[in-house]
Amino acid sequence: MCGGLAIPKGICEKPNVSRVAKKACGPHLEWRIPQIEDLKAAVLAADQDDFATDAEVSAVVARLPRKCTSRTAAKPAPRCRAA
């Protein structure tokens, strides 16, 4: 945290980073940093062969709106997310 903003310490402490830049980056980093951490956890799980079972995938597909399941998995309908 840097002055109440979710900016990594290494960036915050740089003398040439202006207050305006820090404020502008804060909102972006507030969602980006957790997203990167989630991706790191997913890669670690994949490295450990921890993949979803067929039953888990079926359960997620069952929660999707009907229109989302009518397309192929390679090209899902836009804005289709599990509930």
Protein backbone atom coordinates (compact mmCIF):
# COMPACT_ATOMS: atom_id res chain seq x y z
CA MET A 1 0.00 0.00 0.00
CA CYS A 2 1.17 3.45 -0.83
CA GLY A 3 -0.67 6.37 0.69
CA GLY A 4 -3.88 4.32 0.89
CA LEU A 5 -3.51 3.08 -2.69
CA ALA A 6 -2.88 -0.52 -3.70
CA ILE A 7 0.47 0.20 -5.32
CA PRO A 8 3.33 -2.22 -4.75
CA LYS A 9 5.98 -0.89 -2.40
CA GLY A 10 8.77 -0.95 -5.00
CA ILE A 11 6.83 1.34 -7.33
CA CYS A 12 5.64 3.65 -4.57
CA GLU A 13 9.12 4.32 -3.26
CA LYS A 14 10.55 5.47 -6.59
CA PRO A 15 11.24 9.22 -6.34
CA ASN A 16 10.25 9.93 -9.95
CA VAL A 17 6.74 8.51 -9.63
CA SER A 18 4.41 11.47 -9.28
CA ARG A 19 1.44 11.60 -6.96
CA VAL A 20 -0.83 11.89 -10.00
CA ALA A 21 0.65 8.75 -11.56
CA LYS A 22 0.23 6.87 -8.29
CA LYS A 23 -3.41 7.93 -8.07
CA ALA A 24 -4.00 6.95 -11.69
CA CYS A 25 -2.43 3.52 -11.26
CA GLY A 26 -4.18 2.73 -7.98
CA PRO A 27 -7.60 1.72 -9.34
CA HIS A 28 -6.03 -0.36 -12.10
CA LEU A 29 -3.73 -2.18 -9.70
CA GLU A 30 -6.53 -2.80 -7.18
CA TRP A 31 -8.04 -5.37 -9.54
CA ARG A 32 -4.92 -6.30 -11.51
CA ILE A 33 -2.79 -7.47 -8.58
CA PRO A 34 -5.42 -9.94 -7.28
CA GLN A 35 -5.92 -11.15 -10.87
CA ILE A 36 -2.20 -11.87 -11.21
CA GLU A 37 -2.20 -13.71 -7.87
CA ASP A 38 -5.17 -15.83 -9.06
CA LEU A 39 -3.28 -16.66 -12.26
CA LYS A 40 -0.19 -17.66 -10.29
CA ALA A 41 -2.34 -19.98 -8.14
CA ALA A 42 -3.93 -21.48 -11.27
CA VAL A 43 -0.53 -22.14 -12.84
CA LEU A 44 0.67 -23.77 -9.62
CA ALA A 45 -2.45 -25.97 -9.54
CA ALA A 46 -1.92 -26.94 -13.18
CA ASP A 47 1.72 -27.78 -12.49
CA GLN A 48 0.47 -30.14 -9.78
CA ASP A 49 -2.01 -31.73 -12.27
CA ASP A 50 -4.93 -30.33 -10.28
CA PHE A 51 -7.50 -30.04 -13.06
CA ALA A 52 -11.29 -29.98 -12.93
CA THR A 53 -12.98 -33.34 -13.13
CA ASP A 54 -15.66 -34.06 -15.73
CA ALA A 55 -18.26 -33.75 -12.97
CA GLU A 56 -16.96 -30.32 -11.92
CA VAL A 57 -17.00 -29.07 -15.51
CA SER A 58 -20.53 -30.41 -16.00
CA ALA A 59 -21.68 -28.63 -12.84
CA VAL A 60 -20.35 -25.29 -14.13
CA VAL A 61 -21.89 -25.82 -17.58
CA ALA A 62 -25.23 -26.66 -15.94
CA ARG A 63 -25.23 -23.23 -14.24
CA LEU A 64 -24.69 -21.34 -17.52
CA PRO A 65 -27.66 -19.76 -19.26
CA ARG A 66 -29.01 -21.97 -22.05
CA LYS A 67 -27.83 -19.63 -24.82
CA CYS A 68 -24.25 -19.96 -23.55
CA THR A 69 -24.16 -23.71 -24.01
CA SER A 70 -25.33 -23.62 -27.63
CA ARG A 71 -21.91 -22.56 -28.97
CA THR A 72 -18.73 -24.56 -29.07
CA ALA A 73 -16.31 -24.45 -26.19
CA ALA A 74 -13.69 -22.98 -28.52
CA LYS A 75 -15.86 -19.96 -29.22
CA PRO A 76 -18.20 -19.29 -26.26
CA ALA A 77 -20.98 -16.74 -26.50
CA PRO A 78 -19.96 -13.28 -25.25
CA ARG A 79 -20.65 -12.48 -21.59
CA CYS A 80 -21.39 -16.09 -20.66
CA ARG A 81 -20.18 -16.72 -17.14
CA ALA A 82 -21.08 -19.33 -14.58
CA ALA A 83 -23.53 -18.08 -11.97
